């Protein structure tokens, strides 16, 4: 088990200890604030914490992402990858006629530019095609982390989970976006259908800001997180879902109910003036 506030310090300590650079979550968001994308700080912390737990368990493997857009999340995943691990990504990019549900308009030029600027050292393989055409040769069958944020129709979510199942190691984790997003109900339909038809493949381990993370049912206890730092904009609850007790991050302030409080909690200070403004906003 891992306390959530160990995520960043442990990530930095582990990565420096083996001789390659770390990326602090706050530094990452400051560096990539101009890059368009949908990756919340709370979910970045969850990804980093899973990375720490996997390294503690000596889980080694590749990382893969479906749905790249301009590379905001891919940059973060690249900094989680060890030198001997590969990051694979899949997107239709500029072939927008294949983006049937219009869930984001990717750009390969912008993606490659952002990766060169922020994650140039990673071993990267790009697949510019629909994710339904991915093979195990593309994804490999040795992934430790798989991120799904591609098509948002039910059949897209279902097929992408099938792909993740084939790609993941027994200790692997898959994160899927927009499961509870009311703007994209097709994702939840596809996820529930997959879990109903294949109940022994994945079990929920974390419900984040906009990501739900799953592992193999036999691995759920290995990915238990006990708590969050007291000054985090979220606290950790636990809900019963799909027959499992699942740690769930709960917002301390909702932007539509308490906009100033939510802004203060989520504000990322970059200077001493910013830090003062955060606490007196």
C-alpha atoms as a PDB file:
ATOM      1  CA  UNK A   1       0.000   0.000   0.000  1.00  0.00           C
ATOM      2  CA  UNK A   2       1.077   3.545  -0.655  1.00  0.00           C
ATOM      3  CA  UNK A   3       0.077   6.834   0.877  1.00  0.00           C
ATOM      4  CA  UNK A   4      -0.848   9.227  -1.910  1.00  0.00           C
ATOM      5  CA  UNK A   5       1.466  11.995  -0.704  1.00  0.00           C
ATOM      6  CA  UNK A   6       4.415   9.647  -1.145  1.00  0.00           C
ATOM      7  CA  UNK A   7       3.766   9.661  -4.876  1.00  0.00           C
ATOM      8  CA  UNK A   8       5.766  12.699  -5.896  1.00  0.00           C
ATOM      9  CA  UNK A   9       8.624  12.426  -3.423  1.00  0.00           C
ATOM     10  CA  UNK A  10       8.963   8.696  -4.013  1.00  0.00           C
ATOM     11  CA  UNK A  11       8.778   9.201  -7.758  1.00  0.00           C
ATOM     12  CA  UNK A  12      11.579  11.730  -7.627  1.00  0.00           C
ATOM     13  CA  UNK A  13      13.668   9.599  -5.263  1.00  0.00           C
ATOM     14  CA  UNK A  14      13.225   6.402  -7.259  1.00  0.00           C
ATOM     15  CA  UNK A  15      13.957   7.994 -10.592  1.00  0.00           C
ATOM     16  CA  UNK A  16      17.013   9.907  -9.434  1.00  0.00           C
ATOM     17  CA  UNK A  17      18.282   6.762  -7.771  1.00  0.00           C
ATOM     18  CA  UNK A  18      18.531   4.933 -11.082  1.00  0.00           C
ATOM     19  CA  UNK A  19      20.056   7.795 -12.978  1.00  0.00           C
ATOM     20  CA  UNK A  20      17.361   9.332 -15.134  1.00  0.00           C
ATOM     21  CA  UNK A  21      15.374  12.558 -14.677  1.00  0.00           C
ATOM     22  CA  UNK A  22      12.094  12.869 -12.827  1.00  0.00           C
ATOM     23  CA  UNK A  23       9.166  15.138 -13.574  1.00  0.00           C
ATOM     24  CA  UNK A  24       7.372  16.667 -10.635  1.00  0.00           C
ATOM     25  CA  UNK A  25       3.616  16.835 -11.327  1.00  0.00           C
ATOM     26  CA  UNK A  26       3.500  20.565 -10.598  1.00  0.00           C
ATOM     27  CA  UNK A  27       6.506  21.210 -12.828  1.00  0.00           C
ATOM     28  CA  UNK A  28       4.864  19.142 -15.550  1.00  0.00           C
ATOM     29  CA  UNK A  29       1.678  21.213 -15.527  1.00  0.00           C
ATOM     30  CA  UNK A  30       3.613  24.473 -15.482  1.00  0.00           C
ATOM     31  CA  UNK A  31       5.713  23.301 -18.437  1.00  0.00           C
ATOM     32  CA  UNK A  32       2.754  22.046 -20.474  1.00  0.00           C
ATOM     33  CA  UNK A  33       0.101  24.634 -19.641  1.00  0.00           C
ATOM     34  CA  UNK A  34       0.006  25.884 -23.240  1.00  0.00           C
ATOM     35  CA  UNK A  35      -0.642  22.379 -24.622  1.00  0.00           C
ATOM     36  CA  UNK A  36      -4.289  21.633 -25.263  1.00  0.00           C
ATOM     37  CA  UNK A  37      -5.536  18.507 -23.565  1.00  0.00           C
ATOM     38  CA  UNK A  38      -7.757  17.034 -20.865  1.00  0.00           C
ATOM     39  CA  UNK A  39      -5.525  15.773 -18.081  1.00  0.00           C
ATOM     40  CA  UNK A  40      -6.397  16.865 -14.545  1.00  0.00           C
ATOM     41  CA  UNK A  41      -3.735  17.252 -11.820  1.00  0.00           C
ATOM     42  CA  UNK A  42      -5.455  14.690  -9.588  1.00  0.00           C
ATOM     43  CA  UNK A  43      -5.199  12.088 -12.357  1.00  0.00           C
ATOM     44  CA  UNK A  44      -1.549  12.911 -12.958  1.00  0.00           C
ATOM     45  CA  UNK A  45      -0.930  12.271  -9.246  1.00  0.00           C
ATOM     46  CA  UNK A  46      -2.736   8.938  -9.529  1.00  0.00           C
ATOM     47  CA  UNK A  47      -0.669   7.919 -12.550  1.00  0.00           C
ATOM     48  CA  UNK A  48       2.527   8.870 -10.696  1.00  0.00           C
ATOM     49  CA  UNK A  49       1.463   6.889  -7.644  1.00  0.00           C
ATOM     50  CA  UNK A  50       0.735   3.782  -9.726  1.00  0.00           C
ATOM     51  CA  UNK A  51       4.185   4.205 -11.262  1.00  0.00           C
ATOM     52  CA  UNK A  52       5.749   4.270  -7.793  1.00  0.00           C
ATOM     53  CA  UNK A  53       3.863   1.156  -6.717  1.00  0.00           C
ATOM     54  CA  UNK A  54       4.891  -0.694  -9.862  1.00  0.00           C
ATOM     55  CA  UNK A  55       8.525   0.207  -9.379  1.00  0.00           C
ATOM     56  CA  UNK A  56       8.358  -0.972  -5.776  1.00  0.00           C
ATOM     57  CA  UNK A  57       6.980  -4.289  -7.043  1.00  0.00           C
ATOM     58  CA  UNK A  58       9.699  -4.359  -9.722  1.00  0.00           C
ATOM     59  CA  UNK A  59       7.090  -4.403 -12.478  1.00  0.00           C
ATOM     60  CA  UNK A  60       8.805  -3.585 -15.773  1.00  0.00           C
ATOM     61  CA  UNK A  61       7.058  -3.164 -19.091  1.00  0.00           C
ATOM     62  CA  UNK A  62       5.977  -0.786 -21.806  1.00  0.00           C
ATOM     63  CA  UNK A  63       3.433   2.014 -21.710  1.00  0.00           C
ATOM     64  CA  UNK A  64       0.748   2.632 -24.315  1.00  0.00           C
ATOM     65  CA  UNK A  65      -1.826   5.336 -25.007  1.00  0.00           C
ATOM     66  CA  UNK A  66      -4.877   5.362 -27.252  1.00  0.00           C
ATOM     67  CA  UNK A  67      -6.002   8.902 -28.073  1.00  0.00           C
ATOM     68  CA  UNK A  68      -3.104  11.339 -28.143  1.00  0.00           C
ATOM     69  CA  UNK A  69      -4.516  14.676 -29.317  1.00  0.00           C
ATOM     70  CA  UNK A  70      -1.541  17.061 -28.894  1.00  0.00           C
ATOM     71  CA  UNK A  71       0.463  14.894 -26.506  1.00  0.00           C
ATOM     72  CA  UNK A  72      -0.341  16.339 -23.091  1.00  0.00           C
ATOM     73  CA  UNK A  73      -0.741  12.984 -21.355  1.00  0.00           C
ATOM     74  CA  UNK A  74       1.822  11.239 -23.560  1.00  0.00           C
ATOM     75  CA  UNK A  75       4.464  13.658 -22.279  1.00  0.00           C
ATOM     76  CA  UNK A  76       3.681  12.638 -18.711  1.00  0.00           C
ATOM     77  CA  UNK A  77       3.771   8.948 -19.577  1.00  0.00           C
ATOM     78  CA  UNK A  78       7.104   9.458 -21.333  1.00  0.00           C
ATOM     79  CA  UNK A  79       8.593  10.752 -18.093  1.00  0.00           C
ATOM     80  CA  UNK A  80       7.304   7.713 -16.209  1.00  0.00           C
ATOM     81  CA  UNK A  81       8.987   5.324 -18.631  1.00  0.00           C
ATOM     82  CA  UNK A  82      12.362   3.852 -17.735  1.00  0.00           C
ATOM     83  CA  UNK A  83      15.147   3.917 -20.349  1.00  0.00           C
ATOM     84  CA  UNK A  84      14.481   0.273 -21.247  1.00  0.00           C
ATOM     85  CA  UNK A  85      10.732   0.796 -21.618  1.00  0.00           C
ATOM     86  CA  UNK A  86       8.881   1.912 -24.740  1.00  0.00           C
ATOM     87  CA  UNK A  87       5.967   4.328 -25.073  1.00  0.00           C
ATOM     88  CA  UNK A  88       3.530   3.505 -27.859  1.00  0.00           C
ATOM     89  CA  UNK A  89       0.737   5.854 -28.932  1.00  0.00           C
ATOM     90  CA  UNK A  90      -2.183   5.546 -31.323  1.00  0.00           C
ATOM     91  CA  UNK A  91      -4.329   8.283 -32.850  1.00  0.00           C
ATOM     92  CA  UNK A  92      -5.977   9.035 -36.173  1.00  0.00           C
ATOM     93  CA  UNK A  93      -4.367  12.496 -35.932  1.00  0.00           C
ATOM     94  CA  UNK A  94      -5.206  14.489 -39.070  1.00  0.00           C
ATOM     95  CA  UNK A  95      -7.371  11.740 -40.581  1.00  0.00           C
ATOM     96  CA  UNK A  96     -10.394  13.342 -38.963  1.00  0.00           C
ATOM     97  CA  UNK A  97     -12.821  11.560 -41.260  1.00  0.00           C
ATOM     98  CA  UNK A  98     -12.048   8.530 -39.060  1.00  0.00           C
ATOM     99  CA  UNK A  99     -12.912  10.453 -35.880  1.00  0.00           C
ATOM    100  CA  UNK A 100     -16.563   9.452 -36.028  1.00  0.00           C
ATOM    101  CA  UNK A 101     -17.707  10.940 -32.719  1.00  0.00           C
ATOM    102  CA  UNK A 102     -15.559  14.106 -33.050  1.00  0.00           C
ATOM    103  CA  UNK A 103     -13.980  13.576 -29.626  1.00  0.00           C
ATOM    104  CA  UNK A 104     -11.030  15.920 -30.041  1.00  0.00           C
ATOM    105  CA  UNK A 105      -9.099  16.796 -33.183  1.00  0.00           C
ATOM    106  CA  UNK A 106      -5.548  15.490 -32.988  1.00  0.00           C
ATOM    107  CA  UNK A 107      -2.580  16.938 -34.831  1.00  0.00           C
ATOM    108  CA  UNK A 108       0.514  14.878 -35.535  1.00  0.00           C
ATOM    109  CA  UNK A 109       2.615  17.981 -36.199  1.00  0.00           C
ATOM    110  CA  UNK A 110       1.674  19.504 -32.836  1.00  0.00           C
ATOM    111  CA  UNK A 111       2.107  16.167 -31.077  1.00  0.00           C
ATOM    112  CA  UNK A 112       5.598  15.616 -32.475  1.00  0.00           C
ATOM    113  CA  UNK A 113       6.590  19.209 -31.731  1.00  0.00           C
ATOM    114  CA  UNK A 114       5.428  18.896 -28.117  1.00  0.00           C
ATOM    115  CA  UNK A 115       7.166  15.555 -27.660  1.00  0.00           C
ATOM    116  CA  UNK A 116      10.435  16.947 -29.051  1.00  0.00           C
ATOM    117  CA  UNK A 117      10.202  19.861 -26.640  1.00  0.00           C
ATOM    118  CA  UNK A 118       9.152  18.020 -23.491  1.00  0.00           C
ATOM    119  CA  UNK A 119       9.925  14.307 -23.901  1.00  0.00           C
ATOM    120  CA  UNK A 120      12.598  13.923 -26.536  1.00  0.00           C
ATOM    121  CA  UNK A 121      14.523  11.154 -24.750  1.00  0.00           C
ATOM    122  CA  UNK A 122      11.760   8.541 -24.672  1.00  0.00           C
ATOM    123  CA  UNK A 123      11.681   5.495 -26.943  1.00  0.00           C
ATOM    124  CA  UNK A 124       8.503   6.325 -28.871  1.00  0.00           C
ATOM    125  CA  UNK A 125       6.498   4.434 -31.472  1.00  0.00           C
ATOM    126  CA  UNK A 126       3.550   6.131 -33.185  1.00  0.00           C
ATOM    127  CA  UNK A 127       0.620   4.368 -34.853  1.00  0.00           C
ATOM    128  CA  UNK A 128      -1.459   6.731 -37.006  1.00  0.00           C
ATOM    129  CA  UNK A 129      -4.569   4.592 -37.448  1.00  0.00           C
ATOM    130  CA  UNK A 130      -7.829   3.678 -35.719  1.00  0.00           C
ATOM    131  CA  UNK A 131      -7.215   1.861 -32.452  1.00  0.00           C
ATOM    132  CA  UNK A 132      -9.475  -0.974 -33.632  1.00  0.00           C
ATOM    133  CA  UNK A 133      -6.673  -1.930 -36.040  1.00  0.00           C
ATOM    134  CA  UNK A 134      -3.996  -2.251 -33.363  1.00  0.00           C
ATOM    135  CA  UNK A 135      -2.291  -5.640 -33.137  1.00  0.00           C
ATOM    136  CA  UNK A 136      -0.295  -7.225 -30.340  1.00  0.00           C
ATOM    137  CA  UNK A 137       2.785  -6.538 -32.447  1.00  0.00           C
ATOM    138  CA  UNK A 138       1.903  -2.838 -32.196  1.00  0.00           C
ATOM    139  CA  UNK A 139       1.095  -2.670 -28.492  1.00  0.00           C
ATOM    140  CA  UNK A 140       3.338  -5.540 -27.379  1.00  0.00           C
ATOM    141  CA  UNK A 141       2.001  -7.954 -24.758  1.00  0.00           C
ATOM    142  CA  UNK A 142       4.279  -6.605 -22.032  1.00  0.00           C
ATOM    143  CA  UNK A 143       2.656  -3.297 -21.068  1.00  0.00           C
ATOM    144  CA  UNK A 144       2.553  -2.288 -17.427  1.00  0.00           C
ATOM    145  CA  UNK A 145       0.378   0.793 -18.021  1.00  0.00           C
ATOM    146  CA  UNK A 146      -2.259   1.406 -20.689  1.00  0.00           C
ATOM    147  CA  UNK A 147      -4.165   4.688 -21.073  1.00  0.00           C
ATOM    148  CA  UNK A 148      -7.409   4.847 -23.074  1.00  0.00           C
ATOM    149  CA  UNK A 149      -8.773   8.192 -24.256  1.00  0.00           C
ATOM    150  CA  UNK A 150      -9.729   7.427 -27.839  1.00  0.00           C
ATOM    151  CA  UNK A 151     -13.134   7.101 -29.470  1.00  0.00           C
ATOM    152  CA  UNK A 152     -16.037   7.670 -27.122  1.00  0.00           C
ATOM    153  CA  UNK A 153     -18.654   5.406 -28.671  1.00  0.00           C
ATOM    154  CA  UNK A 154     -19.609   2.200 -26.808  1.00  0.00           C
ATOM    155  CA  UNK A 155     -17.900  -0.004 -29.384  1.00  0.00           C
ATOM    156  CA  UNK A 156     -14.730   2.109 -29.161  1.00  0.00           C
ATOM    157  CA  UNK A 157     -14.461   1.772 -25.384  1.00  0.00           C
ATOM    158  CA  UNK A 158     -15.197  -1.960 -25.583  1.00  0.00           C
ATOM    159  CA  UNK A 159     -12.638  -2.629 -28.318  1.00  0.00           C
ATOM    160  CA  UNK A 160      -9.973  -0.507 -26.608  1.00  0.00           C
ATOM    161  CA  UNK A 161     -10.423  -2.490 -23.387  1.00  0.00           C
ATOM    162  CA  UNK A 162     -10.003  -5.690 -25.390  1.00  0.00           C
ATOM    163  CA  UNK A 163      -6.777  -4.263 -26.800  1.00  0.00           C
ATOM    164  CA  UNK A 164      -5.589  -3.323 -23.315  1.00  0.00           C
ATOM    165  CA  UNK A 165      -6.359  -6.818 -22.050  1.00  0.00           C
ATOM    166  CA  UNK A 166      -4.151  -8.344 -24.752  1.00  0.00           C
ATOM    167  CA  UNK A 167      -1.370  -5.832 -24.139  1.00  0.00           C
ATOM    168  CA  UNK A 168      -1.118  -5.797 -20.351  1.00  0.00           C
ATOM    169  CA  UNK A 169       1.091  -7.841 -18.091  1.00  0.00           C
ATOM    170  CA  UNK A 170      -0.642  -9.681 -15.211  1.00  0.00           C
ATOM    171  CA  UNK A 171       0.475  -6.790 -12.946  1.00  0.00           C
ATOM    172  CA  UNK A 172      -0.566  -4.105 -15.445  1.00  0.00           C
ATOM    173  CA  UNK A 173      -2.989  -1.211 -14.983  1.00  0.00           C
ATOM    174  CA  UNK A 174      -5.370   0.346 -17.486  1.00  0.00           C
ATOM    175  CA  UNK A 175      -6.753   3.873 -17.086  1.00  0.00           C
ATOM    176  CA  UNK A 176      -9.801   4.883 -19.106  1.00  0.00           C
ATOM    177  CA  UNK A 177     -11.068   8.412 -19.539  1.00  0.00           C
ATOM    178  CA  UNK A 178     -14.619   9.802 -19.255  1.00  0.00           C
ATOM    179  CA  UNK A 179     -16.291   6.769 -17.658  1.00  0.00           C
ATOM    180  CA  UNK A 180     -18.505   9.078 -15.572  1.00  0.00           C
ATOM    181  CA  UNK A 181     -18.523  12.069 -17.931  1.00  0.00           C
ATOM    182  CA  UNK A 182     -22.163  12.926 -18.798  1.00  0.00           C
ATOM    183  CA  UNK A 183     -21.006  14.438 -22.085  1.00  0.00           C
ATOM    184  CA  UNK A 184     -19.805  11.027 -23.285  1.00  0.00           C
ATOM    185  CA  UNK A 185     -22.274   8.366 -22.059  1.00  0.00           C
ATOM    186  CA  UNK A 186     -21.069   5.945 -24.726  1.00  0.00           C
ATOM    187  CA  UNK A 187     -17.863   5.379 -22.770  1.00  0.00           C
ATOM    188  CA  UNK A 188     -19.673   4.137 -19.681  1.00  0.00           C
ATOM    189  CA  UNK A 189     -21.938   1.966 -21.844  1.00  0.00           C
ATOM    190  CA  UNK A 190     -18.926   0.312 -23.482  1.00  0.00           C
ATOM    191  CA  UNK A 191     -17.089  -0.127 -20.178  1.00  0.00           C
ATOM    192  CA  UNK A 192     -20.090  -1.692 -18.416  1.00  0.00           C
ATOM    193  CA  UNK A 193     -20.747  -4.031 -21.336  1.00  0.00           C
ATOM    194  CA  UNK A 194     -17.132  -5.192 -21.319  1.00  0.00           C
ATOM    195  CA  UNK A 195     -17.120  -5.760 -17.564  1.00  0.00           C
ATOM    196  CA  UNK A 196     -20.473  -7.587 -17.716  1.00  0.00           C
ATOM    197  CA  UNK A 197     -19.377  -9.910 -20.505  1.00  0.00           C
ATOM    198  CA  UNK A 198     -15.830 -10.421 -19.190  1.00  0.00           C
ATOM    199  CA  UNK A 199     -16.099 -10.058 -15.402  1.00  0.00           C
ATOM    200  CA  UNK A 200     -12.787 -11.738 -14.586  1.00  0.00           C
ATOM    201  CA  UNK A 201     -10.534  -9.537 -16.707  1.00  0.00           C
ATOM    202  CA  UNK A 202     -10.405  -6.192 -14.857  1.00  0.00           C
ATOM    203  CA  UNK A 203     -11.413  -4.863 -11.443  1.00  0.00           C
ATOM    204  CA  UNK A 204     -11.551  -1.172 -10.425  1.00  0.00           C
ATOM    205  CA  UNK A 205      -8.744   0.081  -8.196  1.00  0.00           C
ATOM    206  CA  UNK A 206      -9.158   3.886  -8.296  1.00  0.00           C
ATOM    207  CA  UNK A 207     -11.727   6.452  -9.385  1.00  0.00           C
ATOM    208  CA  UNK A 208      -9.992   9.754 -10.130  1.00  0.00           C
ATOM    209  CA  UNK A 209     -10.981  13.162 -11.419  1.00  0.00           C
ATOM    210  CA  UNK A 210     -11.823  11.989 -14.929  1.00  0.00           C
ATOM    211  CA  UNK A 211     -10.043   8.620 -15.084  1.00  0.00           C
ATOM    212  CA  UNK A 212     -10.974   5.217 -13.733  1.00  0.00           C
ATOM    213  CA  UNK A 213      -8.116   2.777 -13.182  1.00  0.00           C
ATOM    214  CA  UNK A 214      -8.437  -1.000 -13.400  1.00  0.00           C
ATOM    215  CA  UNK A 215      -6.116  -3.916 -12.652  1.00  0.00           C
ATOM    216  CA  UNK A 216      -6.449  -7.687 -12.766  1.00  0.00           C
ATOM    217  CA  UNK A 217      -8.779  -8.853  -9.957  1.00  0.00           C
ATOM    218  CA  UNK A 218      -5.902 -10.719  -8.270  1.00  0.00           C
ATOM    219  CA  UNK A 219      -3.881  -7.471  -8.076  1.00  0.00           C
ATOM    220  CA  UNK A 220      -6.376  -5.093  -6.458  1.00  0.00           C
ATOM    221  CA  UNK A 221      -4.806  -5.221  -3.000  1.00  0.00           C
ATOM    222  CA  UNK A 222      -1.363  -4.474  -4.440  1.00  0.00           C
ATOM    223  CA  UNK A 223      -2.653  -1.116  -5.665  1.00  0.00           C
ATOM    224  CA  UNK A 224      -4.357   0.052  -2.497  1.00  0.00           C
ATOM    225  CA  UNK A 225      -3.830   3.727  -1.620  1.00  0.00           C
ATOM    226  CA  UNK A 226      -4.459   4.778   1.977  1.00  0.00           C
ATOM    227  CA  UNK A 227      -4.865   8.533   1.881  1.00  0.00           C
ATOM    228  CA  UNK A 228      -4.236  11.931   0.338  1.00  0.00           C
ATOM    229  CA  UNK A 229      -2.204  14.876   1.645  1.00  0.00           C
ATOM    230  CA  UNK A 230      -4.269  17.199   3.815  1.00  0.00           C
ATOM    231  CA  UNK A 231      -3.806  20.207   1.515  1.00  0.00           C
ATOM    232  CA  UNK A 232      -4.860  18.317  -1.632  1.00  0.00           C
ATOM    233  CA  UNK A 233      -7.924  19.686  -3.452  1.00  0.00           C
ATOM    234  CA  UNK A 234      -9.455  16.215  -3.051  1.00  0.00           C
ATOM    235  CA  UNK A 235      -9.844  13.765  -0.225  1.00  0.00           C
ATOM    236  CA  UNK A 236      -9.997  10.009  -0.498  1.00  0.00           C
ATOM    237  CA  UNK A 237     -13.248   8.189   0.075  1.00  0.00           C
ATOM    238  CA  UNK A 238     -14.246   4.608  -0.561  1.00  0.00           C
ATOM    239  CA  UNK A 239     -17.266   3.388  -2.475  1.00  0.00           C
ATOM    240  CA  UNK A 240     -18.636  -0.016  -3.312  1.00  0.00           C
ATOM    241  CA  UNK A 241     -18.644  -0.417  -7.099  1.00  0.00           C
ATOM    242  CA  UNK A 242     -18.920  -3.523  -9.257  1.00  0.00           C
ATOM    243  CA  UNK A 243     -18.547  -5.655  -6.155  1.00  0.00           C
ATOM    244  CA  UNK A 244     -15.265  -4.048  -5.041  1.00  0.00           C
ATOM    245  CA  UNK A 245     -14.386  -1.402  -2.430  1.00  0.00           C
ATOM    246  CA  UNK A 246     -12.845   1.322  -4.591  1.00  0.00           C
ATOM    247  CA  UNK A 247     -10.864   4.354  -3.340  1.00  0.00           C
ATOM    248  CA  UNK A 248     -12.455   7.444  -4.844  1.00  0.00           C
ATOM    249  CA  UNK A 249     -11.165  11.001  -4.948  1.00  0.00           C
ATOM    250  CA  UNK A 250     -13.784  13.496  -3.801  1.00  0.00           C
ATOM    251  CA  UNK A 251     -13.576  17.230  -4.532  1.00  0.00           C
ATOM    252  CA  UNK A 252     -13.305  19.491  -1.491  1.00  0.00           C
ATOM    253  CA  UNK A 253     -14.875  22.374  -3.444  1.00  0.00           C
ATOM    254  CA  UNK A 254     -16.990  22.321  -6.600  1.00  0.00           C
ATOM    255  CA  UNK A 255     -16.272  25.047  -9.141  1.00  0.00           C
ATOM    256  CA  UNK A 256     -19.973  25.640  -9.869  1.00  0.00           C
ATOM    257  CA  UNK A 257     -20.868  25.872  -6.155  1.00  0.00           C
ATOM    258  CA  UNK A 258     -17.721  27.485  -4.705  1.00  0.00           C
ATOM    259  CA  UNK A 259     -15.667  28.909  -7.600  1.00  0.00           C
ATOM    260  CA  UNK A 260     -13.206  30.872  -5.450  1.00  0.00           C
ATOM    261  CA  UNK A 261     -12.576  27.954  -3.131  1.00  0.00           C
ATOM    262  CA  UNK A 262     -12.099  25.566  -6.048  1.00  0.00           C
ATOM    263  CA  UNK A 263      -9.738  27.998  -7.796  1.00  0.00           C
ATOM    264  CA  UNK A 264      -7.646  28.387  -4.647  1.00  0.00           C
ATOM    265  CA  UNK A 265      -7.333  24.628  -4.172  1.00  0.00           C
ATOM    266  CA  UNK A 266      -6.431  23.899  -7.787  1.00  0.00           C
ATOM    267  CA  UNK A 267      -4.193  26.897  -8.418  1.00  0.00           C
ATOM    268  CA  UNK A 268      -0.607  25.881  -9.227  1.00  0.00           C
ATOM    269  CA  UNK A 269       1.740  28.533  -7.754  1.00  0.00           C
ATOM    270  CA  UNK A 270       4.893  29.257  -9.750  1.00  0.00           C
ATOM    271  CA  UNK A 271       6.299  32.221  -7.830  1.00  0.00           C
ATOM    272  CA  UNK A 272       6.180  33.499  -4.250  1.00  0.00           C
ATOM    273  CA  UNK A 273       3.595  36.044  -5.398  1.00  0.00           C
ATOM    274  CA  UNK A 274       1.496  33.179  -6.787  1.00  0.00           C
ATOM    275  CA  UNK A 275       1.766  31.315  -3.489  1.00  0.00           C
ATOM    276  CA  UNK A 276       0.565  34.361  -1.565  1.00  0.00           C
ATOM    277  CA  UNK A 277      -2.332  34.848  -3.984  1.00  0.00           C
ATOM    278  CA  UNK A 278      -3.330  31.212  -3.578  1.00  0.00           C
ATOM    279  CA  UNK A 279      -3.914  31.566   0.125  1.00  0.00           C
ATOM    280  CA  UNK A 280      -5.503  35.030   0.023  1.00  0.00           C
ATOM    281  CA  UNK A 281      -7.671  34.567  -3.065  1.00  0.00           C
END
